[in-house]
């Protein structure tokens, strides 16, 4: 009986170790699969739409050239990219979606926010690609904002 308990305990320990190794590998694989702002996560057409929407919704506070004005911060340049570096694009999107524009928070649609964000990323020098920036925060959370290409 004791030998049976020992074998069962051994199998449980081995099973747990294999499960842990598999789980760690899966987590590492999903982390490696995370896109960054350098992976061309928006289209040129989306950034162009965002340009017009930015002018309409954001420029009065953040300036037409995204350099900021008064208390509104710049949305381009080193300070902007370093403030958001290593966060997710979803974090920035949610900040925009919930808090902007300052005089009418939450009044801009998800699609328009995604387009404005694409324009901001374009102005920050990130590359355009074949797929549009999504409007779902969960998907945007999978894109890491990386200030400098590695």
C-alpha atoms as a PDB file:
ATOM      1  CA  UNK A   1       0.000   0.000   0.000  1.00  0.00           C
ATOM      2  CA  UNK A   2       2.788   2.424   0.859  1.00  0.00           C
ATOM      3  CA  UNK A   3       4.510   1.730  -2.434  1.00  0.00           C
ATOM      4  CA  UNK A   4       1.244   2.517  -4.278  1.00  0.00           C
ATOM      5  CA  UNK A   5       0.905   5.854  -2.466  1.00  0.00           C
ATOM      6  CA  UNK A   6       4.523   6.680  -3.293  1.00  0.00           C
ATOM      7  CA  UNK A   7       3.986   5.913  -6.994  1.00  0.00           C
ATOM      8  CA  UNK A   8       0.767   7.956  -7.060  1.00  0.00           C
ATOM      9  CA  UNK A   9       2.465  10.895  -5.369  1.00  0.00           C
ATOM     10  CA  UNK A  10       5.372  10.629  -7.834  1.00  0.00           C
ATOM     11  CA  UNK A  11       2.999  10.667 -10.805  1.00  0.00           C
ATOM     12  CA  UNK A  12       1.164  13.677  -9.413  1.00  0.00           C
ATOM     13  CA  UNK A  13       4.452  15.553  -8.942  1.00  0.00           C
ATOM     14  CA  UNK A  14       5.577  14.694 -12.477  1.00  0.00           C
ATOM     15  CA  UNK A  15       2.176  15.687 -13.859  1.00  0.00           C
ATOM     16  CA  UNK A  16       2.283  19.040 -12.061  1.00  0.00           C
ATOM     17  CA  UNK A  17       5.806  19.699 -13.304  1.00  0.00           C
ATOM     18  CA  UNK A  18       4.786  18.940 -16.897  1.00  0.00           C
ATOM     19  CA  UNK A  19       1.680  21.099 -16.571  1.00  0.00           C
ATOM     20  CA  UNK A  20       3.755  23.985 -15.192  1.00  0.00           C
ATOM     21  CA  UNK A  21       6.332  23.708 -17.973  1.00  0.00           C
ATOM     22  CA  UNK A  22       3.599  23.635 -20.612  1.00  0.00           C
ATOM     23  CA  UNK A  23       1.824  26.624 -19.059  1.00  0.00           C
ATOM     24  CA  UNK A  24       5.046  28.649 -18.816  1.00  0.00           C
ATOM     25  CA  UNK A  25       5.874  27.855 -22.441  1.00  0.00           C
ATOM     26  CA  UNK A  26       2.394  28.932 -23.556  1.00  0.00           C
ATOM     27  CA  UNK A  27       2.647  32.194 -21.609  1.00  0.00           C
ATOM     28  CA  UNK A  28       6.089  32.898 -23.080  1.00  0.00           C
ATOM     29  CA  UNK A  29       4.806  32.137 -26.587  1.00  0.00           C
ATOM     30  CA  UNK A  30       1.876  34.523 -26.187  1.00  0.00           C
ATOM     31  CA  UNK A  31       4.213  37.228 -24.863  1.00  0.00           C
ATOM     32  CA  UNK A  32       6.534  36.704 -27.834  1.00  0.00           C
ATOM     33  CA  UNK A  33       3.555  36.947 -30.200  1.00  0.00           C
ATOM     34  CA  UNK A  34       2.606  40.404 -28.889  1.00  0.00           C
ATOM     35  CA  UNK A  35       2.849  43.027 -31.586  1.00  0.00           C
ATOM     36  CA  UNK A  36       4.414  46.416 -31.087  1.00  0.00           C
ATOM     37  CA  UNK A  37       3.816  49.813 -32.630  1.00  0.00           C
ATOM     38  CA  UNK A  38       6.697  48.970 -34.994  1.00  0.00           C
ATOM     39  CA  UNK A  39       4.739  46.074 -36.549  1.00  0.00           C
ATOM     40  CA  UNK A  40       2.695  48.267 -38.941  1.00  0.00           C
ATOM     41  CA  UNK A  41      -0.539  47.975 -36.940  1.00  0.00           C
ATOM     42  CA  UNK A  42      -2.581  50.605 -38.850  1.00  0.00           C
ATOM     43  CA  UNK A  43      -3.120  51.621 -42.456  1.00  0.00           C
ATOM     44  CA  UNK A  44      -2.247  54.776 -44.332  1.00  0.00           C
ATOM     45  CA  UNK A  45      -5.952  55.270 -45.171  1.00  0.00           C
ATOM     46  CA  UNK A  46      -6.874  54.971 -41.486  1.00  0.00           C
ATOM     47  CA  UNK A  47      -4.258  57.579 -40.528  1.00  0.00           C
ATOM     48  CA  UNK A  48      -5.627  59.914 -43.224  1.00  0.00           C
ATOM     49  CA  UNK A  49      -9.147  59.550 -41.828  1.00  0.00           C
ATOM     50  CA  UNK A  50      -7.702  60.204 -38.384  1.00  0.00           C
ATOM     51  CA  UNK A  51      -6.064  63.403 -39.593  1.00  0.00           C
ATOM     52  CA  UNK A  52      -9.453  64.970 -40.393  1.00  0.00           C
ATOM     53  CA  UNK A  53     -10.980  63.654 -37.166  1.00  0.00           C
ATOM     54  CA  UNK A  54      -8.043  64.964 -35.138  1.00  0.00           C
ATOM     55  CA  UNK A  55      -8.551  68.435 -36.627  1.00  0.00           C
ATOM     56  CA  UNK A  56     -12.232  68.297 -35.722  1.00  0.00           C
ATOM     57  CA  UNK A  57     -11.957  66.822 -32.205  1.00  0.00           C
ATOM     58  CA  UNK A  58      -8.459  67.336 -30.814  1.00  0.00           C
ATOM     59  CA  UNK A  59      -6.557  70.192 -32.454  1.00  0.00           C
ATOM     60  CA  UNK A  60      -8.223  72.964 -30.474  1.00  0.00           C
ATOM     61  CA  UNK A  61      -6.540  71.703 -27.273  1.00  0.00           C
ATOM     62  CA  UNK A  62      -3.549  69.698 -28.503  1.00  0.00           C
ATOM     63  CA  UNK A  63      -2.659  72.087 -31.393  1.00  0.00           C
ATOM     64  CA  UNK A  64      -2.961  71.349 -35.115  1.00  0.00           C
ATOM     65  CA  UNK A  65       0.588  69.942 -35.180  1.00  0.00           C
ATOM     66  CA  UNK A  66       0.038  67.727 -32.077  1.00  0.00           C
ATOM     67  CA  UNK A  67       2.583  69.748 -30.043  1.00  0.00           C
ATOM     68  CA  UNK A  68       0.162  70.553 -27.224  1.00  0.00           C
ATOM     69  CA  UNK A  69      -1.068  73.875 -25.895  1.00  0.00           C
ATOM     70  CA  UNK A  70      -1.632  75.302 -22.430  1.00  0.00           C
ATOM     71  CA  UNK A  71      -2.442  72.318 -20.199  1.00  0.00           C
ATOM     72  CA  UNK A  72      -3.015  69.843 -23.048  1.00  0.00           C
ATOM     73  CA  UNK A  73       0.076  67.669 -23.556  1.00  0.00           C
ATOM     74  CA  UNK A  74       1.830  67.039 -26.849  1.00  0.00           C
ATOM     75  CA  UNK A  75       0.666  63.960 -28.732  1.00  0.00           C
ATOM     76  CA  UNK A  76       3.925  63.544 -30.609  1.00  0.00           C
ATOM     77  CA  UNK A  77       7.611  63.783 -29.840  1.00  0.00           C
ATOM     78  CA  UNK A  78       9.881  62.305 -27.220  1.00  0.00           C
ATOM     79  CA  UNK A  79       7.828  63.196 -24.151  1.00  0.00           C
ATOM     80  CA  UNK A  80       4.724  61.631 -25.654  1.00  0.00           C
ATOM     81  CA  UNK A  81       6.388  58.410 -26.776  1.00  0.00           C
ATOM     82  CA  UNK A  82       8.350  57.990 -23.540  1.00  0.00           C
ATOM     83  CA  UNK A  83       5.181  58.503 -21.460  1.00  0.00           C
ATOM     84  CA  UNK A  84       3.414  55.656 -23.268  1.00  0.00           C
ATOM     85  CA  UNK A  85       6.405  53.384 -23.922  1.00  0.00           C
ATOM     86  CA  UNK A  86       5.967  49.831 -22.611  1.00  0.00           C
ATOM     87  CA  UNK A  87       2.241  50.312 -22.051  1.00  0.00           C
ATOM     88  CA  UNK A  88      -0.313  48.886 -24.439  1.00  0.00           C
ATOM     89  CA  UNK A  89      -1.925  50.751 -27.298  1.00  0.00           C
ATOM     90  CA  UNK A  90      -5.157  49.732 -25.547  1.00  0.00           C
ATOM     91  CA  UNK A  91      -4.157  51.881 -22.554  1.00  0.00           C
ATOM     92  CA  UNK A  92      -3.802  54.924 -24.783  1.00  0.00           C
ATOM     93  CA  UNK A  93      -7.011  54.099 -26.652  1.00  0.00           C
ATOM     94  CA  UNK A  94      -8.982  53.835 -23.394  1.00  0.00           C
ATOM     95  CA  UNK A  95      -7.555  57.152 -22.166  1.00  0.00           C
ATOM     96  CA  UNK A  96      -8.781  58.746 -25.386  1.00  0.00           C
ATOM     97  CA  UNK A  97     -12.121  56.925 -25.430  1.00  0.00           C
ATOM     98  CA  UNK A  98     -13.101  57.734 -21.856  1.00  0.00           C
ATOM     99  CA  UNK A  99     -11.530  61.135 -21.274  1.00  0.00           C
ATOM    100  CA  UNK A 100     -11.436  62.942 -24.599  1.00  0.00           C
ATOM    101  CA  UNK A 101     -12.279  65.397 -25.860  1.00  0.00           C
ATOM    102  CA  UNK A 102     -11.973  67.260 -22.569  1.00  0.00           C
ATOM    103  CA  UNK A 103     -15.121  69.318 -23.178  1.00  0.00           C
ATOM    104  CA  UNK A 104     -17.199  66.234 -24.189  1.00  0.00           C
ATOM    105  CA  UNK A 105     -15.560  63.089 -22.782  1.00  0.00           C
ATOM    106  CA  UNK A 106     -16.616  59.856 -24.426  1.00  0.00           C
ATOM    107  CA  UNK A 107     -18.411  61.549 -27.308  1.00  0.00           C
ATOM    108  CA  UNK A 108     -16.108  60.187 -30.044  1.00  0.00           C
ATOM    109  CA  UNK A 109     -16.939  56.734 -31.450  1.00  0.00           C
ATOM    110  CA  UNK A 110     -14.608  53.765 -31.103  1.00  0.00           C
ATOM    111  CA  UNK A 111     -13.919  53.787 -34.842  1.00  0.00           C
ATOM    112  CA  UNK A 112     -13.118  57.501 -34.844  1.00  0.00           C
ATOM    113  CA  UNK A 113     -10.838  57.060 -31.808  1.00  0.00           C
ATOM    114  CA  UNK A 114      -9.008  54.227 -33.578  1.00  0.00           C
ATOM    115  CA  UNK A 115      -8.576  56.430 -36.646  1.00  0.00           C
ATOM    116  CA  UNK A 116      -7.303  59.354 -34.539  1.00  0.00           C
ATOM    117  CA  UNK A 117      -4.916  57.011 -32.745  1.00  0.00           C
ATOM    118  CA  UNK A 118      -3.671  55.726 -36.117  1.00  0.00           C
ATOM    119  CA  UNK A 119      -2.996  59.344 -37.120  1.00  0.00           C
ATOM    120  CA  UNK A 120      -1.114  59.960 -33.868  1.00  0.00           C
ATOM    121  CA  UNK A 121       0.996  56.831 -34.415  1.00  0.00           C
ATOM    122  CA  UNK A 122       1.672  57.920 -37.995  1.00  0.00           C
ATOM    123  CA  UNK A 123       2.810  61.365 -36.827  1.00  0.00           C
ATOM    124  CA  UNK A 124       5.048  59.684 -34.234  1.00  0.00           C
ATOM    125  CA  UNK A 125       6.845  57.899 -37.082  1.00  0.00           C
ATOM    126  CA  UNK A 126       5.454  54.395 -36.746  1.00  0.00           C
ATOM    127  CA  UNK A 127       5.041  52.446 -40.016  1.00  0.00           C
ATOM    128  CA  UNK A 128       1.744  51.799 -41.787  1.00  0.00           C
ATOM    129  CA  UNK A 129       0.657  48.341 -42.882  1.00  0.00           C
ATOM    130  CA  UNK A 130      -2.145  46.363 -44.480  1.00  0.00           C
ATOM    131  CA  UNK A 131      -4.499  45.979 -41.489  1.00  0.00           C
ATOM    132  CA  UNK A 132      -6.368  48.719 -39.666  1.00  0.00           C
ATOM    133  CA  UNK A 133      -5.953  49.383 -35.996  1.00  0.00           C
ATOM    134  CA  UNK A 134      -8.834  47.546 -34.317  1.00  0.00           C
ATOM    135  CA  UNK A 135     -11.516  49.229 -32.238  1.00  0.00           C
ATOM    136  CA  UNK A 136     -11.680  46.562 -29.515  1.00  0.00           C
ATOM    137  CA  UNK A 137      -9.638  47.345 -26.419  1.00  0.00           C
ATOM    138  CA  UNK A 138      -8.876  43.653 -25.868  1.00  0.00           C
ATOM    139  CA  UNK A 139      -7.155  43.482 -29.252  1.00  0.00           C
ATOM    140  CA  UNK A 140      -5.386  46.811 -28.740  1.00  0.00           C
ATOM    141  CA  UNK A 141      -4.051  45.512 -25.418  1.00  0.00           C
ATOM    142  CA  UNK A 142      -2.086  42.952 -27.464  1.00  0.00           C
ATOM    143  CA  UNK A 143      -0.098  45.774 -29.111  1.00  0.00           C
ATOM    144  CA  UNK A 144       2.737  47.139 -27.014  1.00  0.00           C
ATOM    145  CA  UNK A 145       3.625  50.812 -27.401  1.00  0.00           C
ATOM    146  CA  UNK A 146       7.384  50.761 -27.972  1.00  0.00           C
ATOM    147  CA  UNK A 147       8.996  54.189 -28.343  1.00  0.00           C
ATOM    148  CA  UNK A 148      12.174  53.094 -30.099  1.00  0.00           C
ATOM    149  CA  UNK A 149      12.674  50.299 -32.571  1.00  0.00           C
ATOM    150  CA  UNK A 150      14.951  47.621 -31.194  1.00  0.00           C
END
